[in-house]
């Protein structure tokens, strides 16, 4: 498996939403309680400062993603946070490490 991290594209949305909703359903990592559908997911990921996916170049499968957004505005706008999500069946394969290293 060869994983690359790249900016997300519209074609990735279904897999991204599946990963995001899986993490929401687990109820451990993210504060959100509502699942994303294609309309809300498209808007949500587009609104982030940056959204990237971890893709297997051999299969095209998306194994994880991260979003980056600012915590503050103005002079503190450079301070931000990121949220990371990895497909449960892909955990333990260092996908998160690749996302964090991007």
N, C-alpha and C. Protein backbone atom coordinates (compact mmCIF):
# COMPACT_ATOMS: atom_id res chain seq x y z
N UNK A 1 0.85 -1.18 0.00
CA UNK A 1 0.00 0.00 0.00
C UNK A 1 0.89 1.23 0.00
N UNK A 2 0.65 2.13 -0.94
CA UNK A 2 1.38 3.40 -1.05
C UNK A 2 0.39 4.52 -0.76
N UNK A 3 0.60 5.20 0.38
CA UNK A 3 -0.31 6.27 0.81
C UNK A 3 0.30 7.63 0.50
N UNK A 4 -0.50 8.47 -0.13
CA UNK A 4 -0.13 9.87 -0.31
C UNK A 4 -1.18 10.73 0.40
N UNK A 5 -0.74 11.89 0.85
CA UNK A 5 -1.67 12.86 1.44
C UNK A 5 -1.78 14.00 0.44
N UNK A 6 -3.01 14.34 0.09
CA UNK A 6 -3.25 15.39 -0.91
C UNK A 6 -4.52 16.15 -0.55
N UNK A 7 -4.66 17.32 -1.17
CA UNK A 7 -5.87 18.11 -1.00
C UNK A 7 -7.07 17.30 -1.52
N UNK A 8 -8.17 17.39 -0.79
CA UNK A 8 -9.35 16.62 -1.20
C UNK A 8 -9.95 17.17 -2.48
N UNK A 9 -10.68 16.29 -3.16
CA UNK A 9 -11.42 16.65 -4.37
C UNK A 9 -12.86 16.20 -4.18
N UNK A 10 -13.75 16.76 -4.96
CA UNK A 10 -15.18 16.42 -4.87
C UNK A 10 -15.41 14.91 -4.95
N UNK A 11 -14.63 14.22 -5.76
CA UNK A 11 -14.81 12.78 -5.94
C UNK A 11 -14.53 11.99 -4.66
N UNK A 12 -13.88 12.61 -3.69
CA UNK A 12 -13.53 11.94 -2.43
C UNK A 12 -14.65 12.02 -1.39
N UNK A 13 -15.64 12.86 -1.63
CA UNK A 13 -16.62 13.20 -0.59
C UNK A 13 -17.34 12.00 0.02
N UNK A 14 -17.78 11.05 -0.77
CA UNK A 14 -18.52 9.92 -0.19
C UNK A 14 -17.68 9.16 0.82
N UNK A 15 -16.42 8.89 0.47
CA UNK A 15 -15.55 8.17 1.40
C UNK A 15 -15.19 9.03 2.61
N UNK A 16 -14.99 10.32 2.40
CA UNK A 16 -14.69 11.23 3.51
C UNK A 16 -15.84 11.27 4.50
N UNK A 17 -17.05 11.36 3.98
CA UNK A 17 -18.24 11.41 4.84
C UNK A 17 -18.39 10.10 5.60
N UNK A 18 -18.11 9.00 4.95
CA UNK A 18 -18.17 7.70 5.63
C UNK A 18 -17.19 7.66 6.80
N UNK A 19 -15.96 8.11 6.58
CA UNK A 19 -14.95 8.13 7.64
C UNK A 19 -15.38 9.07 8.76
N UNK A 20 -15.80 10.28 8.41
CA UNK A 20 -16.21 11.27 9.41
C UNK A 20 -17.36 10.73 10.25
N UNK A 21 -18.38 10.19 9.60
CA UNK A 21 -19.55 9.68 10.32
C UNK A 21 -19.20 8.50 11.21
N UNK A 22 -18.24 7.69 10.79
CA UNK A 22 -17.81 6.57 11.62
C UNK A 22 -17.21 7.08 12.94
N UNK A 23 -16.39 8.12 12.86
CA UNK A 23 -15.80 8.70 14.06
C UNK A 23 -16.88 9.33 14.94
N UNK A 24 -17.83 10.02 14.33
CA UNK A 24 -18.95 10.61 15.08
C UNK A 24 -19.73 9.51 15.79
N UNK A 25 -20.01 8.43 15.10
CA UNK A 25 -20.78 7.32 15.67
C UNK A 25 -20.07 6.70 16.87
N UNK A 26 -18.74 6.65 16.84
CA UNK A 26 -17.98 6.10 17.96
C UNK A 26 -18.12 6.96 19.21
N UNK A 27 -18.36 8.26 19.02
CA UNK A 27 -18.62 9.16 20.13
C UNK A 27 -17.46 9.42 21.06
N UNK A 28 -16.24 9.28 20.58
CA UNK A 28 -15.06 9.44 21.43
C UNK A 28 -14.24 10.67 21.08
N UNK A 29 -14.02 10.90 19.79
CA UNK A 29 -13.03 11.88 19.36
C UNK A 29 -13.57 13.27 19.03
N UNK A 30 -14.74 13.37 18.43
CA UNK A 30 -15.25 14.66 17.97
C UNK A 30 -16.47 15.06 18.79
N UNK A 31 -16.68 16.37 18.99
CA UNK A 31 -17.84 16.81 19.77
C UNK A 31 -19.16 16.74 18.99
N UNK A 32 -19.10 16.67 17.67
CA UNK A 32 -20.32 16.66 16.87
C UNK A 32 -21.15 15.41 17.17
N UNK A 33 -22.45 15.56 17.05
CA UNK A 33 -23.36 14.42 17.24
C UNK A 33 -24.15 14.12 15.97
N UNK A 34 -24.21 15.08 15.05
CA UNK A 34 -24.99 14.91 13.83
C UNK A 34 -24.11 14.37 12.71
N UNK A 35 -24.66 13.41 11.98
CA UNK A 35 -23.95 12.83 10.85
C UNK A 35 -24.02 13.78 9.66
N UNK A 36 -23.03 13.65 8.78
CA UNK A 36 -23.02 14.42 7.54
C UNK A 36 -23.69 13.62 6.43
N UNK A 37 -24.46 14.32 5.61
CA UNK A 37 -24.93 13.74 4.35
C UNK A 37 -24.11 14.41 3.25
N UNK A 38 -24.36 14.10 2.01
CA UNK A 38 -23.53 14.63 0.93
C UNK A 38 -23.60 16.15 0.85
N UNK A 39 -24.77 16.73 1.06
CA UNK A 39 -24.92 18.19 0.99
C UNK A 39 -24.18 18.87 2.14
N UNK A 40 -24.44 18.42 3.35
CA UNK A 40 -23.78 19.02 4.52
C UNK A 40 -22.29 18.74 4.52
N UNK A 41 -21.90 17.54 4.09
CA UNK A 41 -20.49 17.19 4.05
C UNK A 41 -19.73 18.03 3.05
N UNK A 42 -20.30 18.24 1.89
CA UNK A 42 -19.67 19.06 0.86
C UNK A 42 -19.43 20.47 1.38
N UNK A 43 -20.43 21.03 2.01
CA UNK A 43 -20.31 22.39 2.57
C UNK A 43 -19.30 22.43 3.71
N UNK A 44 -19.38 21.46 4.61
CA UNK A 44 -18.50 21.41 5.78
C UNK A 44 -17.02 21.35 5.36
N UNK A 45 -16.68 20.42 4.49
CA UNK A 45 -15.27 20.28 4.10
C UNK A 45 -14.79 21.46 3.28
N UNK A 46 -15.66 22.05 2.46
CA UNK A 46 -15.28 23.21 1.65
C UNK A 46 -15.03 24.44 2.52
N UNK A 47 -15.68 24.54 3.66
CA UNK A 47 -15.54 25.70 4.54
C UNK A 47 -14.25 25.69 5.34
N UNK A 48 -13.56 24.59 5.39
CA UNK A 48 -12.34 24.51 6.19
C UNK A 48 -11.21 25.27 5.49
N UNK A 49 -10.23 25.71 6.27
CA UNK A 49 -9.07 26.37 5.70
C UNK A 49 -8.34 25.44 4.74
N UNK A 50 -8.24 24.18 5.13
CA UNK A 50 -7.61 23.17 4.28
C UNK A 50 -8.17 21.81 4.67
N UNK A 51 -8.41 20.97 3.69
CA UNK A 51 -8.86 19.60 3.92
C UNK A 51 -8.03 18.69 3.05
N UNK A 52 -7.47 17.64 3.66
CA UNK A 52 -6.63 16.70 2.93
C UNK A 52 -7.10 15.27 3.19
N UNK A 53 -6.76 14.39 2.27
CA UNK A 53 -7.09 12.98 2.41
C UNK A 53 -5.83 12.14 2.29
N UNK A 54 -5.87 10.96 2.91
CA UNK A 54 -4.82 9.96 2.75
C UNK A 54 -5.35 8.92 1.78
N UNK A 55 -4.74 8.86 0.61
CA UNK A 55 -5.22 7.99 -0.47
C UNK A 55 -4.20 6.90 -0.77
N UNK A 56 -4.69 5.69 -0.95
CA UNK A 56 -3.87 4.58 -1.44
C UNK A 56 -3.75 4.75 -2.95
N UNK A 57 -2.55 5.01 -3.43
CA UNK A 57 -2.37 5.28 -4.86
C UNK A 57 -2.61 4.05 -5.72
N UNK A 58 -2.52 2.87 -5.14
CA UNK A 58 -2.73 1.64 -5.90
C UNK A 58 -4.22 1.37 -6.14
N UNK A 59 -5.05 1.71 -5.15
CA UNK A 59 -6.48 1.39 -5.24
C UNK A 59 -7.38 2.61 -5.35
N UNK A 60 -6.85 3.79 -4.97
CA UNK A 60 -7.66 5.01 -4.95
C UNK A 60 -8.51 5.13 -3.69
N UNK A 61 -8.41 4.18 -2.78
CA UNK A 61 -9.21 4.19 -1.55
C UNK A 61 -8.73 5.29 -0.62
N UNK A 62 -9.68 6.00 -0.01
CA UNK A 62 -9.38 7.02 0.98
C UNK A 62 -9.40 6.35 2.35
N UNK A 63 -8.28 6.44 3.07
CA UNK A 63 -8.14 5.79 4.37
C UNK A 63 -8.27 6.77 5.53
N UNK A 64 -8.14 8.07 5.27
CA UNK A 64 -8.22 9.05 6.34
C UNK A 64 -8.27 10.45 5.78
N UNK A 65 -8.43 11.40 6.70
CA UNK A 65 -8.51 12.80 6.30
C UNK A 65 -8.15 13.70 7.47
N UNK A 66 -7.87 14.95 7.15
CA UNK A 66 -7.78 15.95 8.21
C UNK A 66 -8.33 17.27 7.70
N UNK A 67 -8.80 18.05 8.68
CA UNK A 67 -9.26 19.41 8.38
C UNK A 67 -8.44 20.38 9.22
N UNK A 68 -8.18 21.53 8.67
CA UNK A 68 -7.43 22.57 9.35
C UNK A 68 -8.27 23.83 9.34
N UNK A 69 -8.39 24.47 10.50
CA UNK A 69 -9.13 25.72 10.57
C UNK A 69 -8.57 26.61 11.66
N UNK A 70 -8.76 27.93 11.54
CA UNK A 70 -8.21 28.85 12.53
C UNK A 70 -9.00 28.81 13.84
N UNK A 71 -8.28 28.99 14.93
CA UNK A 71 -8.93 29.13 16.24
C UNK A 71 -9.35 30.57 16.48
N UNK A 72 -8.60 31.50 15.91
CA UNK A 72 -8.80 32.91 16.20
C UNK A 72 -8.83 33.72 14.90
N UNK A 73 -9.07 35.01 15.07
CA UNK A 73 -9.06 35.93 13.93
C UNK A 73 -8.05 37.03 14.20
N UNK A 74 -7.84 37.87 13.23
CA UNK A 74 -6.94 39.01 13.40
C UNK A 74 -5.51 38.59 13.64
N UNK A 75 -4.86 39.22 14.61
CA UNK A 75 -3.45 38.95 14.88
C UNK A 75 -3.18 37.53 15.34
N UNK A 76 -4.20 36.87 15.84
CA UNK A 76 -4.03 35.49 16.30
C UNK A 76 -4.54 34.48 15.27
N UNK A 77 -4.84 34.96 14.07
CA UNK A 77 -5.40 34.10 13.04
C UNK A 77 -4.47 32.99 12.58
N UNK A 78 -3.19 33.10 12.90
CA UNK A 78 -2.24 32.06 12.51
C UNK A 78 -2.32 30.84 13.43
N UNK A 79 -3.01 30.99 14.54
CA UNK A 79 -3.17 29.88 15.48
C UNK A 79 -4.39 29.08 15.06
N UNK A 80 -4.22 27.80 14.87
CA UNK A 80 -5.33 26.99 14.38
C UNK A 80 -5.36 25.63 15.04
N UNK A 81 -6.30 24.83 14.57
CA UNK A 81 -6.37 23.46 15.05
C UNK A 81 -6.69 22.55 13.88
N UNK A 82 -6.41 21.29 14.10
CA UNK A 82 -6.68 20.29 13.07
C UNK A 82 -7.44 19.13 13.70
N UNK A 83 -8.29 18.52 12.92
CA UNK A 83 -9.00 17.30 13.33
C UNK A 83 -8.62 16.21 12.34
N UNK A 84 -8.31 15.05 12.88
CA UNK A 84 -7.87 13.91 12.08
C UNK A 84 -8.85 12.76 12.23
N UNK A 85 -9.08 12.04 11.15
CA UNK A 85 -9.97 10.88 11.18
C UNK A 85 -9.39 9.80 10.27
N UNK A 86 -9.37 8.57 10.79
CA UNK A 86 -8.88 7.43 10.02
C UNK A 86 -9.96 6.35 10.05
N UNK A 87 -10.21 5.76 8.90
CA UNK A 87 -11.15 4.66 8.78
C UNK A 87 -10.77 3.57 9.78
N UNK A 88 -11.75 3.05 10.51
CA UNK A 88 -11.45 2.09 11.58
C UNK A 88 -10.65 0.89 11.08
N UNK A 89 -10.97 0.38 9.92
CA UNK A 89 -10.26 -0.79 9.40
C UNK A 89 -8.83 -0.46 8.96
N UNK A 90 -8.50 0.83 8.90
CA UNK A 90 -7.16 1.24 8.48
C UNK A 90 -6.31 1.70 9.66
N UNK A 91 -6.85 1.68 10.85
CA UNK A 91 -6.09 2.11 12.02
C UNK A 91 -4.98 1.09 12.31
N UNK A 92 -3.87 1.61 12.79
CA UNK A 92 -2.71 0.77 13.04
C UNK A 92 -1.77 0.67 11.84
N UNK A 93 -2.13 1.31 10.74
CA UNK A 93 -1.31 1.28 9.53
C UNK A 93 -0.50 2.57 9.34
N UNK A 94 -0.45 3.41 10.37
CA UNK A 94 0.30 4.67 10.37
C UNK A 94 -0.29 5.72 9.42
N UNK A 95 -1.58 5.59 9.14
CA UNK A 95 -2.26 6.59 8.30
C UNK A 95 -2.29 7.94 9.01
N UNK A 96 -2.65 7.94 10.28
CA UNK A 96 -2.69 9.18 11.05
C UNK A 96 -1.34 9.87 11.09
N UNK A 97 -0.29 9.09 11.23
CA UNK A 97 1.06 9.63 11.24
C UNK A 97 1.37 10.35 9.93
N UNK A 98 0.95 9.77 8.82
CA UNK A 98 1.16 10.40 7.52
C UNK A 98 0.35 11.70 7.41
N UNK A 99 -0.87 11.69 7.93
CA UNK A 99 -1.69 12.90 7.90
C UNK A 99 -1.07 14.01 8.73
N UNK A 100 -0.60 13.67 9.93
CA UNK A 100 0.00 14.67 10.81
C UNK A 100 1.29 15.23 10.21
N UNK A 101 2.02 14.41 9.49
CA UNK A 101 3.30 14.82 8.90
C UNK A 101 3.14 15.69 7.66
N UNK A 102 1.92 15.81 7.15
CA UNK A 102 1.70 16.58 5.92
C UNK A 102 2.00 18.05 6.13
